[in-house]
Amino acid sequence: MTEFVRTAEENFENLPDFPFAPSYHQWQDLRMHYVDEGPKDAPVVLLTHGMPTWSYLYRDMIPGLVEAGYRCIAPDHMGFGRSDKPIDIHWHTIARHTEILSSLIVDLDLKNITLICQDWGGPTGLAQAAMMPERFEHLVIMNTWLHHPEFKYSDGIKDWNKNWHEGGMYHRPEPDLGLLLVVSGRYESPKVVFPAFLEGRVPDLSGRAADVYEGFSAPYKGLPDEGYNGFRRFPRSIPLDSYNNGNAAAQTLHYKTLLNWDKGVQFVWGCTDDVFTEEWGRTWAGRMNARFDGFDDAGHFLQDTHGKKIVELILDEKGKPA
């Protein structure tokens, strides 16, 4: 039996702008949460998240896509959101998370899929299109990557990785990671947030900053420290220093495979991101002969700050279902 912890259901009650009922997928002896909104027979939009977020990241995008006629499926990786959280840090490998996402797609028999992916949602989500292309019709690639030998890791991603190792800023008990989304979205100054983070307290937040913090901290509030191990493992799975745990050989295969993708693809990018830079996004889009739309005022988590505008770009490229 897998040892895991489960976040209290009351943590997710009345979250700002997140009225969606939970759905659950059973994988082995664990429960994976996903949002399922829209007609069951409609073309699917699969929305995949990264670290340290969950399906809440897509709260501003799901309503517009459903209104346009799509069915939105937004899963939470194991260890994140409302999904179960295995406590063994070594349980969390990118290959395993990819396998679990495959099982969700197959068990729900999802077809005519538009993939929207960002951060670790890229390697886990794009793997599905590479492995099961017959189920996918369009890719929306945002601020992510697929490892390959020629990829140049930015200073931003190197710093992120380093800070999860011993002595780093995030190498601490019960890191309050919802605060990082407050800073990323520019809802509050780093000068206010980071001292509070390092002292283990919550700064005074109001308005949008308070709402964002409430949503992104809900999955881990009240958990023991080992419930944070999924968060810890993802940054240390970057193939900078964890080639095998990052499933890097498979990532390379998926990257090469998708360079020959002959269906719909577009890139939507937060151009102030220092992790996955605008230069990289434009280079990748060029290699796939894809449309590139960049937001000069968006960073890494552009779904959080520009969700409705992203939906407009997707509908402009794809249109509404017939």
Protein backbone atom coordinates (compact mmCIF):
# COMPACT_ATOMS: atom_id res chain seq x y z
CA MET A 1 0.00 0.00 0.00
CA THR A 2 1.17 3.50 -0.84
CA GLU A 3 1.53 5.75 2.19
CA PHE A 4 -0.12 9.08 1.52
CA VAL A 5 -1.89 12.01 3.12
CA ARG A 6 -5.08 13.65 1.89
CA THR A 7 -5.95 17.32 2.24
CA ALA A 8 -9.09 18.08 4.25
CA GLU A 9 -12.09 18.75 2.00
CA GLU A 10 -12.97 21.91 3.90
CA ASN A 11 -9.77 23.51 2.59
CA PHE A 12 -11.41 23.71 -0.83
CA GLU A 13 -14.78 25.10 0.19
CA ASN A 14 -15.70 28.53 -1.18
CA LEU A 15 -12.38 29.22 -2.85
CA PRO A 16 -12.45 32.49 -4.82
CA ASP A 17 -13.52 32.00 -8.45
CA PHE A 18 -13.39 28.20 -8.20
CA PRO A 19 -16.96 26.86 -8.10
CA PHE A 20 -16.15 23.58 -9.85
CA ALA A 21 -17.29 20.26 -8.42
CA PRO A 22 -14.54 17.68 -7.82
CA SER A 23 -14.19 14.51 -9.88
CA TYR A 24 -11.86 11.64 -9.04
CA HIS A 25 -9.83 9.09 -10.99
CA GLN A 26 -8.57 5.97 -9.24
CA TRP A 27 -4.98 5.02 -10.07
CA GLN A 28 -3.73 1.95 -8.19
CA ASP A 29 -4.51 2.72 -4.54
CA LEU A 30 -4.52 6.52 -4.94
CA ARG A 31 -7.16 9.09 -5.82
CA MET A 32 -6.45 11.73 -8.46
CA HIS A 33 -8.61 14.83 -8.57
CA TYR A 34 -9.68 16.53 -11.76
CA VAL A 35 -12.11 19.23 -12.80
CA ASP A 36 -14.62 18.11 -15.45
CA GLU A 37 -16.72 20.97 -16.81
CA GLY A 38 -18.76 21.22 -20.01
CA PRO A 39 -20.74 18.76 -22.16
CA LYS A 40 -19.45 15.19 -21.95
CA ASP A 41 -19.67 14.77 -25.75
CA ALA A 42 -17.87 18.02 -26.59
CA PRO A 43 -14.29 18.33 -27.88
CA VAL A 44 -11.92 18.18 -24.92
CA VAL A 45 -9.52 20.77 -23.57
CA LEU A 46 -6.96 19.12 -21.29
CA LEU A 47 -5.32 21.66 -18.98
CA THR A 48 -2.12 20.50 -17.28
CA HIS A 49 -0.33 22.30 -14.48
CA GLY A 50 3.16 22.38 -13.04
CA MET A 51 4.86 23.21 -9.76
CA PRO A 52 3.72 24.49 -7.24
CA THR A 53 0.22 24.91 -8.67
CA TRP A 54 -2.90 22.83 -9.26
CA SER A 55 -6.08 23.05 -11.34
CA TYR A 56 -6.94 26.30 -9.55
CA LEU A 57 -4.43 27.88 -11.95
CA TYR A 58 -7.03 27.52 -14.73
CA ARG A 59 -9.98 29.06 -12.87
CA ASP A 60 -10.17 32.05 -15.24
CA MET A 61 -9.87 29.94 -18.40
CA ILE A 62 -12.34 27.12 -17.81
CA PRO A 63 -15.55 29.23 -17.91
CA GLY A 64 -14.70 30.85 -21.26
CA LEU A 65 -13.75 27.55 -22.86
CA VAL A 66 -16.93 25.86 -21.60
CA GLU A 67 -19.02 28.77 -22.86
CA ALA A 68 -17.37 28.35 -26.28
CA GLY A 69 -18.51 24.71 -26.36
CA TYR A 70 -15.59 22.70 -24.99
CA ARG A 71 -15.34 20.11 -22.23
CA CYS A 72 -12.54 21.07 -19.84
CA ILE A 73 -10.56 18.42 -17.97
CA ALA A 74 -8.05 19.87 -15.49
CA PRO A 75 -6.27 17.22 -13.38
CA ASP A 76 -4.07 17.67 -10.32
CA HIS A 77 -0.82 15.70 -10.27
CA MET A 78 -0.53 13.30 -7.34
CA GLY A 79 0.94 15.32 -4.49
CA PHE A 80 -0.82 18.50 -5.63
CA GLY A 81 -4.23 20.10 -5.31
CA ARG A 82 -7.02 17.78 -4.17
CA SER A 83 -5.16 14.65 -5.31
CA ASP A 84 -3.64 12.24 -2.80
CA LYS A 85 -0.11 13.05 -1.67
CA PRO A 86 2.35 10.13 -1.44
CA ILE A 87 4.76 10.89 1.38
CA ASP A 88 7.82 9.03 0.05
CA ILE A 89 9.79 11.65 -1.85
CA HIS A 90 11.28 8.94 -4.06
CA TRP A 91 7.78 7.93 -5.22
CA HIS A 92 7.58 11.12 -7.27
CA THR A 93 9.17 10.59 -10.67
CA ILE A 94 8.16 12.34 -13.87
CA ALA A 95 7.71 8.99 -15.59
CA ARG A 96 5.18 7.98 -12.95
CA HIS A 97 3.26 11.25 -13.14
CA THR A 98 3.20 10.90 -16.92
CA GLU A 99 1.87 7.35 -16.63
CA ILE A 100 -0.92 8.48 -14.30
CA LEU A 101 -1.99 11.21 -16.72
CA SER A 102 -2.04 8.62 -19.52
CA SER A 103 -4.35 6.44 -17.44
CA LEU A 104 -6.77 9.33 -16.92
CA ILE A 105 -6.93 10.02 -20.66
CA VAL A 106 -7.45 6.35 -21.52
CA ASP A 107 -9.94 5.58 -18.76
CA LEU A 108 -12.07 8.62 -19.64
CA ASP A 109 -11.55 7.79 -23.34
CA LEU A 110 -10.76 11.41 -24.14
CA LYS A 111 -10.61 12.29 -27.84
CA ASN A 112 -10.36 15.40 -30.02
CA ILE A 113 -8.14 16.88 -27.33
CA THR A 114 -6.70 20.36 -27.26
CA LEU A 115 -3.79 20.27 -24.82
CA ILE A 116 -2.98 23.39 -22.82
CA CYS A 117 0.29 22.92 -20.97
CA GLN A 118 2.75 24.99 -18.93
CA ASP A 119 5.72 24.33 -16.63
CA TRP A 120 5.86 20.58 -15.73
CA GLY A 121 2.51 20.27 -17.49
CA GLY A 122 4.63 20.45 -20.65
CA PRO A 123 6.76 17.32 -20.21
CA THR A 124 3.85 15.35 -18.71
CA GLY A 125 1.22 16.64 -21.13
CA LEU A 126 3.18 16.76 -24.37
CA ALA A 127 4.24 13.18 -23.70
CA GLN A 128 0.60 12.21 -24.20
CA ALA A 129 0.42 13.85 -27.62
CA ALA A 130 3.67 12.17 -28.64
CA MET A 131 2.50 8.75 -27.43
CA MET A 132 -1.19 8.95 -28.40
CA PRO A 133 -1.36 11.46 -31.28
CA GLU A 134 -4.66 10.04 -32.51
CA ARG A 135 -6.36 11.45 -29.41
CA PHE A 136 -5.04 15.00 -29.90
CA GLU A 137 -5.84 17.68 -32.45
CA HIS A 138 -4.26 20.89 -31.13
CA LEU A 139 -1.42 21.92 -28.80
CA VAL A 140 -1.21 25.15 -26.83
CA ILE A 141 2.31 25.39 -25.41
CA MET A 142 3.04 27.98 -22.72
CA ASN A 143 6.28 28.67 -20.77
CA THR A 144 7.59 25.13 -20.64
CA TRP A 145 10.16 22.90 -22.31
CA LEU A 146 11.07 19.38 -23.28
CA HIS A 147 14.58 18.32 -22.37
CA HIS A 148 16.96 17.59 -25.23
CA PRO A 149 20.76 17.68 -25.35
CA GLU A 150 20.91 21.09 -27.06
CA PHE A 151 18.56 22.82 -24.59
CA LYS A 152 20.25 25.63 -22.67
CA TYR A 153 18.93 25.92 -19.13
CA SER A 154 18.44 29.52 -18.02
CA ASP A 155 19.94 31.08 -14.91
CA GLY A 156 16.37 31.34 -13.61
CA ILE A 157 15.77 27.60 -13.73
CA LYS A 158 19.23 26.89 -12.33
CA ASP A 159 18.47 29.15 -9.35
CA TRP A 160 15.07 27.49 -8.86
CA ASN A 161 16.69 24.07 -8.79
CA LYS A 162 19.52 25.19 -6.49
CA ASN A 163 17.16 26.71 -3.94
CA TRP A 164 15.46 23.36 -3.34
CA HIS A 165 18.73 21.75 -2.28
CA GLU A 166 20.16 21.92 1.23
CA GLY A 167 20.93 25.50 2.15
CA GLY A 168 18.51 26.90 -0.42
CA MET A 169 15.62 29.26 0.26
CA TYR A 170 12.94 26.60 -0.20
CA HIS A 171 14.75 23.80 1.63
CA ARG A 172 12.71 24.16 4.81
CA PRO A 173 9.86 22.50 6.69
CA GLU A 174 6.38 23.19 5.31
CA PRO A 175 7.34 25.89 2.77
CA ASP A 176 4.39 28.25 2.23
CA LEU A 177 4.46 28.06 -1.57
CA GLY A 178 1.20 29.89 -2.21
CA LEU A 179 3.14 33.06 -1.45
CA LEU A 180 5.26 32.48 -4.57
CA LEU A 181 2.17 32.93 -6.75
CA VAL A 182 1.45 36.21 -5.00
CA VAL A 183 4.90 37.45 -6.01
CA SER A 184 4.81 35.92 -9.50
CA GLY A 185 1.53 37.64 -10.32
CA ARG A 186 2.85 40.95 -8.93
CA TYR A 187 -0.04 41.16 -6.48
CA GLU A 188 2.37 42.09 -3.68
CA SER A 189 6.00 43.18 -3.50
CA PRO A 190 8.78 40.61 -2.97
CA LYS A 191 10.02 42.93 -0.22
CA VAL A 192 6.80 42.19 1.68
CA VAL A 193 6.40 38.52 0.82
CA PHE A 194 9.88 36.97 1.02
CA PRO A 195 10.75 38.13 4.56
CA ALA A 196 7.44 36.64 5.71
CA PHE A 197 8.14 33.43 3.80
CA LEU A 198 11.56 33.05 5.42
CA GLU A 199 10.11 33.75 8.87
CA GLY A 200 7.29 31.25 8.42
CA ARG A 201 4.46 33.76 8.64
CA VAL A 202 1.78 35.04 6.30
CA PRO A 203 2.08 38.75 5.45
CA ASP A 204 -0.93 41.03 5.47
CA LEU A 205 -2.63 40.48 2.13
CA SER A 206 -5.82 41.93 0.70
CA GLY A 207 -7.86 41.89 -2.48
CA ARG A 208 -6.55 39.79 -5.35
CA ALA A 209 -3.36 38.93 -3.41
CA ALA A 210 -5.39 37.41 -0.57
CA ASP A 211 -7.58 35.45 -2.99
CA VAL A 212 -4.60 34.07 -4.92
CA TYR A 213 -2.88 33.04 -1.72
CA GLU A 214 -6.01 31.34 -0.38
CA GLY A 215 -6.42 29.34 -3.59
CA PHE A 216 -2.83 28.19 -3.99
CA SER A 217 -2.22 27.42 -0.30
CA ALA A 218 -5.42 25.39 0.11
CA PRO A 219 -3.85 22.04 -0.94
CA TYR A 220 -1.22 21.96 1.82
CA LYS A 221 -2.76 23.80 4.77
CA GLY A 222 -2.85 21.45 7.76
CA LEU A 223 -0.67 18.77 6.17
CA PRO A 224 2.35 17.26 7.93
CA ASP A 225 5.73 18.14 6.45
CA GLU A 226 5.94 14.90 4.43
CA GLY A 227 2.81 16.00 2.57
CA TYR A 228 5.01 18.58 0.82
CA ASN A 229 7.30 16.00 -0.78
CA GLY A 230 5.67 16.23 -4.22
CA PHE A 231 6.48 19.93 -4.22
CA ARG A 232 10.05 19.19 -3.23
CA ARG A 233 10.64 16.51 -5.84
CA PHE A 234 9.55 18.35 -8.98
CA PRO A 235 12.24 21.09 -8.88
CA ARG A 236 14.84 18.42 -8.16
CA SER A 237 13.64 16.40 -11.15
CA ILE A 238 14.88 19.00 -13.62
CA PRO A 239 17.47 17.18 -15.77
CA LEU A 240 20.12 19.66 -14.68
CA ASP A 241 21.05 17.22 -11.92
CA SER A 242 18.40 14.51 -12.12
CA TYR A 243 18.41 13.08 -15.63
CA ASN A 244 16.68 9.83 -14.71
CA ASN A 245 14.11 11.19 -12.26
CA GLY A 246 13.21 13.84 -14.83
CA ASN A 247 12.49 11.18 -17.46
CA ALA A 248 14.92 13.07 -19.67
CA ALA A 249 15.50 10.34 -22.26
CA ALA A 250 11.76 10.13 -22.88
CA GLN A 251 11.50 13.93 -22.95
CA THR A 252 14.10 14.01 -25.72
CA LEU A 253 12.17 11.43 -27.72
CA HIS A 254 8.94 13.37 -27.29
CA TYR A 255 10.64 16.62 -28.32
CA LYS A 256 12.01 15.09 -31.53
CA THR A 257 8.69 13.40 -32.27
CA LEU A 258 6.66 16.58 -31.87
CA LEU A 259 8.93 18.59 -34.17
CA ASN A 260 7.10 16.65 -36.89
CA TRP A 261 3.65 17.42 -35.48
CA ASP A 262 1.32 18.00 -38.45
CA LYS A 263 -1.80 19.18 -36.61
CA GLY A 264 -2.70 22.40 -34.81
CA VAL A 265 -0.15 24.06 -32.54
CA GLN A 266 0.33 27.53 -31.07
CA PHE A 267 2.62 29.07 -28.49
CA VAL A 268 1.38 31.57 -25.90
CA TRP A 269 4.16 32.99 -23.75
CA GLY A 270 4.76 35.16 -20.71
CA CYS A 271 7.71 37.16 -22.00
CA THR A 272 9.05 38.42 -18.65
CA ASP A 273 9.66 34.84 -17.47
CA ASP A 274 13.31 34.32 -16.52
CA VAL A 275 12.86 30.53 -16.33
CA PHE A 276 11.56 29.79 -19.82
CA THR A 277 12.55 32.87 -21.73
CA GLU A 278 10.86 34.56 -24.67
CA GLU A 279 13.88 33.69 -26.82
CA TRP A 280 13.39 29.98 -26.10
CA GLY A 281 9.64 30.15 -26.75
CA ARG A 282 10.14 31.85 -30.10
CA THR A 283 12.89 29.39 -31.07
CA TRP A 284 10.69 26.39 -30.29
CA ALA A 285 7.70 27.89 -32.07
CA GLY A 286 9.88 28.49 -35.12
CA ARG A 287 11.03 24.88 -35.16
CA MET A 288 7.38 23.76 -35.18
CA ASN A 289 6.28 26.44 -37.70
CA ALA A 290 3.77 27.62 -35.12
CA ARG A 291 2.06 30.87 -34.26
CA PHE A 292 3.64 32.69 -31.32
CA ASP A 293 1.74 35.16 -29.13
CA GLY A 294 3.70 36.82 -26.34
CA PHE A 295 2.50 38.93 -23.42
CA ASP A 296 5.08 41.58 -22.58
CA ASP A 297 3.53 42.02 -19.12
CA ALA A 298 3.21 38.34 -18.16
CA GLY A 299 5.60 36.07 -16.32
CA HIS A 300 5.86 32.35 -15.72
CA PHE A 301 2.31 31.70 -14.48
CA LEU A 302 0.48 33.56 -17.23
CA GLN A 303 -2.73 31.55 -16.71
CA ASP A 304 -3.06 33.24 -13.32
CA THR A 305 -2.74 36.78 -14.68
CA HIS A 306 -3.89 36.55 -18.31
CA GLY A 307 -6.30 33.61 -18.35
CA LYS A 308 -9.16 35.26 -20.21
CA LYS A 309 -6.82 36.74 -22.83
CA ILE A 310 -5.27 33.31 -23.40
CA VAL A 311 -8.74 31.89 -24.06
CA GLU A 312 -9.30 34.61 -26.66
CA LEU A 313 -6.08 33.64 -28.44
CA ILE A 314 -7.02 29.94 -28.44
CA LEU A 315 -10.48 30.64 -29.83
CA ASP A 316 -8.98 32.99 -32.41
CA GLU A 317 -6.74 30.15 -33.62
CA LYS A 318 -9.15 27.23 -33.23
CA GLY A 319 -12.59 28.78 -33.26
CA LYS A 320 -15.60 27.30 -31.50
CA PRO A 321 -16.54 23.65 -31.99
CA ALA A 322 -18.87 22.98 -34.92
